Amino acid sequence: MTEASDKSPSAGARAVVADAQDPARRPDVLFRVRRPVGTEPSVWWPIGAFIVVSAGILAGLNWLPG
């Protein structure tokens, strides 16, 4: 291999990177959003939602006879 090809990417790789899209901005991705640093939601939101939904399901099952 030549020394120049070891240090610089090929023209094809540069073209792919130039045309790359941010996956969070694709139109077929509904809920994935790239947020600025410091504005991400807390990890406790999905944990709390799981607990609330689980408690609601268990409370609803207590209404069933038998």
Protein backbone atom coordinates (compact mmCIF):
# COMPACT_ATOMS: atom_id res chain seq x y z
CA MET A 1 0.00 0.00 0.00
CA THR A 2 1.09 3.51 -0.57
CA GLU A 3 1.59 5.93 2.23
CA ALA A 4 -1.05 8.34 0.88
CA SER A 5 -3.81 5.72 0.89
CA ASP A 6 -3.09 4.82 4.52
CA LYS A 7 -3.64 8.36 5.77
CA SER A 8 -6.63 9.59 3.76
CA PRO A 9 -10.03 7.98 3.21
CA SER A 10 -11.01 6.94 -0.27
CA ALA A 11 -13.22 9.09 -2.46
CA GLY A 12 -16.06 6.60 -2.03
CA ALA A 13 -15.89 6.83 1.76
CA ARG A 14 -15.94 10.63 1.58
CA ALA A 15 -19.02 10.52 -0.66
CA VAL A 16 -20.84 8.22 1.75
CA VAL A 17 -20.05 10.47 4.71
CA ALA A 18 -21.12 13.56 2.76
CA ASP A 19 -24.52 11.99 1.97
CA ALA A 20 -25.05 10.56 5.46
CA GLN A 21 -28.24 11.52 7.26
CA ASP A 22 -28.73 11.93 10.96
CA PRO A 23 -30.81 8.87 12.01
CA ALA A 24 -32.73 10.99 14.52
CA ARG A 25 -33.92 13.28 11.72
CA ARG A 26 -35.24 10.62 9.32
CA PRO A 27 -38.94 11.04 8.53
CA ASP A 28 -39.75 7.40 9.33
CA VAL A 29 -38.41 7.68 12.88
CA LEU A 30 -41.24 9.02 15.03
CA PHE A 31 -39.99 9.29 18.59
CA ARG A 32 -36.19 9.41 18.35
CA VAL A 33 -34.98 12.99 18.81
CA ARG A 34 -31.45 14.19 19.31
CA ARG A 35 -31.54 16.73 22.14
CA PRO A 36 -28.85 19.15 23.27
CA VAL A 37 -26.62 18.05 26.13
CA GLY A 38 -28.33 18.58 29.48
CA THR A 39 -31.90 18.45 28.15
CA GLU A 40 -32.28 14.66 27.94
CA PRO A 41 -35.20 13.21 29.90
CA SER A 42 -34.38 11.55 33.20
CA VAL A 43 -33.87 7.78 33.18
CA TRP A 44 -36.42 7.59 36.00
CA TRP A 45 -39.33 8.43 33.65
CA PRO A 46 -39.48 4.98 31.98
CA ILE A 47 -38.87 3.25 35.32
CA GLY A 48 -41.72 5.19 36.95
CA ALA A 49 -44.00 4.56 33.95
CA PHE A 50 -43.30 0.82 34.20
CA ILE A 51 -44.18 0.82 37.90
CA VAL A 52 -47.38 2.81 37.38
CA VAL A 53 -48.56 0.64 34.46
CA SER A 54 -47.71 -2.56 36.34
CA ALA A 55 -49.58 -1.37 39.44
CA GLY A 56 -52.57 -0.43 37.27
CA ILE A 57 -52.64 -3.86 35.65
CA LEU A 58 -52.42 -5.60 39.04
CA ALA A 59 -55.15 -3.39 40.47
CA GLY A 60 -57.34 -4.17 37.46
CA LEU A 61 -56.73 -7.90 37.83
CA ASN A 62 -57.96 -7.71 41.43
CA TRP A 63 -61.40 -6.77 40.08
CA LEU A 64 -61.66 -10.05 38.18
CA PRO A 65 -63.45 -12.85 40.02
CA GLY A 66 -61.82 -16.05 40.82
